[in-house]
Protein backbone atom coordinates (compact mmCIF):
# COMPACT_ATOMS: atom_id res chain seq x y z
CA MET A 1 -21.59 4.96 8.29
CA SER A 2 -22.00 7.86 10.67
CA GLU A 3 -19.24 9.81 12.43
CA SER A 4 -20.09 8.09 15.70
CA ASP A 5 -19.06 4.75 14.19
CA GLY A 6 -15.36 5.68 14.55
CA ALA A 7 -12.42 5.39 12.24
CA VAL A 8 -11.93 2.58 9.79
CA VAL A 9 -8.27 2.03 9.01
CA ALA A 10 -7.21 -0.21 6.13
CA VAL A 11 -3.83 -1.78 6.81
CA VAL A 12 -1.98 -2.81 3.65
CA LEU A 13 0.96 -5.11 4.20
CA GLY A 14 3.58 -4.15 1.65
CA ALA A 15 5.60 -7.25 2.33
CA GLY A 16 6.46 -10.42 0.52
CA GLN A 17 9.65 -11.49 -1.14
CA GLY A 18 8.02 -13.28 -4.05
CA THR A 19 10.12 -16.37 -3.36
CA ARG A 20 7.36 -18.92 -4.04
CA MET A 21 6.44 -17.03 -7.20
CA GLY A 22 10.05 -17.03 -8.35
CA ALA A 23 9.76 -13.26 -8.74
CA GLY A 24 13.04 -12.37 -7.06
CA ARG A 25 11.54 -9.21 -5.56
CA ASN A 26 8.70 -8.03 -3.33
CA LYS A 27 5.51 -9.24 -4.99
CA VAL A 28 3.57 -6.04 -4.21
CA LEU A 29 6.00 -4.19 -6.47
CA LEU A 30 5.26 -6.44 -9.45
CA THR A 31 3.26 -4.80 -12.23
CA LEU A 32 -0.38 -5.59 -12.99
CA ARG A 33 -2.08 -3.66 -15.80
CA GLY A 34 0.79 -1.19 -15.93
CA LYS A 35 0.86 -0.36 -12.21
CA PRO A 36 2.47 -2.00 -9.18
CA ILE A 37 0.10 -4.30 -7.27
CA LEU A 38 0.69 -2.09 -4.24
CA VAL A 39 -0.86 0.88 -6.05
CA HIS A 40 -3.96 -1.16 -6.97
CA ALA A 41 -4.43 -2.20 -3.32
CA LEU A 42 -3.95 1.30 -1.91
CA ALA A 43 -6.20 2.91 -4.51
CA ALA A 44 -8.99 0.42 -3.77
CA PHE A 45 -9.04 1.41 -0.12
CA GLU A 46 -8.69 5.13 -0.88
CA GLN A 47 -11.80 4.89 -3.07
CA THR A 48 -13.85 3.15 -0.37
CA PRO A 49 -15.96 5.74 1.50
CA GLN A 50 -16.06 3.70 4.71
CA VAL A 51 -12.25 3.72 4.98
CA THR A 52 -11.08 6.84 6.79
CA GLU A 53 -7.36 6.11 6.66
CA THR A 54 -5.08 3.77 4.74
CA LEU A 55 -1.89 2.60 6.41
CA LEU A 56 0.92 0.96 4.48
CA VAL A 57 3.29 -1.23 6.45
CA ALA A 58 6.58 -1.94 4.69
CA HIS A 59 10.05 -3.14 5.59
CA PRO A 60 12.43 -0.20 6.13
CA ASP A 61 14.75 -1.58 3.41
CA GLU A 62 11.89 -1.37 0.89
CA GLU A 63 10.52 2.02 1.90
CA ALA A 64 12.13 3.88 -1.00
CA MET A 65 10.83 1.33 -3.53
CA CYS A 66 7.31 1.59 -2.11
CA LEU A 67 7.41 5.40 -2.20
CA GLU A 68 8.59 5.29 -5.80
CA ALA A 69 5.78 2.90 -6.71
CA MET A 70 3.29 5.29 -5.09
CA GLU A 71 4.44 8.39 -7.02
CA ASN A 72 1.35 8.39 -9.24
CA CYS A 73 -1.02 7.03 -6.63
CA PRO A 74 -3.53 9.28 -4.85
CA VAL A 75 -2.32 8.13 -1.44
CA GLU A 76 -0.66 10.29 1.16
CA ALA A 77 2.69 8.83 2.18
CA ILE A 78 3.50 10.10 5.64
CA GLY A 79 4.96 8.08 8.44
CA GLU A 80 7.50 7.63 11.15
CA ASN A 81 10.05 4.80 11.00
CA GLY A 82 8.68 3.64 7.70
CA LEU A 83 5.65 4.51 5.62
């Protein structure tokens, strides 16, 4: 991909109440192989050379939980009115 191709933004939806799974909490915060599923998703996009920016969209009530889950993730968490 050349610079003239433009930006490629990966949008990760950090939503889901886990109701159908019976999880009782946002399913992206559930653990898979010792890390929240959210971290696996964000890391996959961060490691993809074609992706120039990764954007996490989360409910304002879950922002703190998402930030905590991302503490050990190589993803920059900057945003306005959310993540």
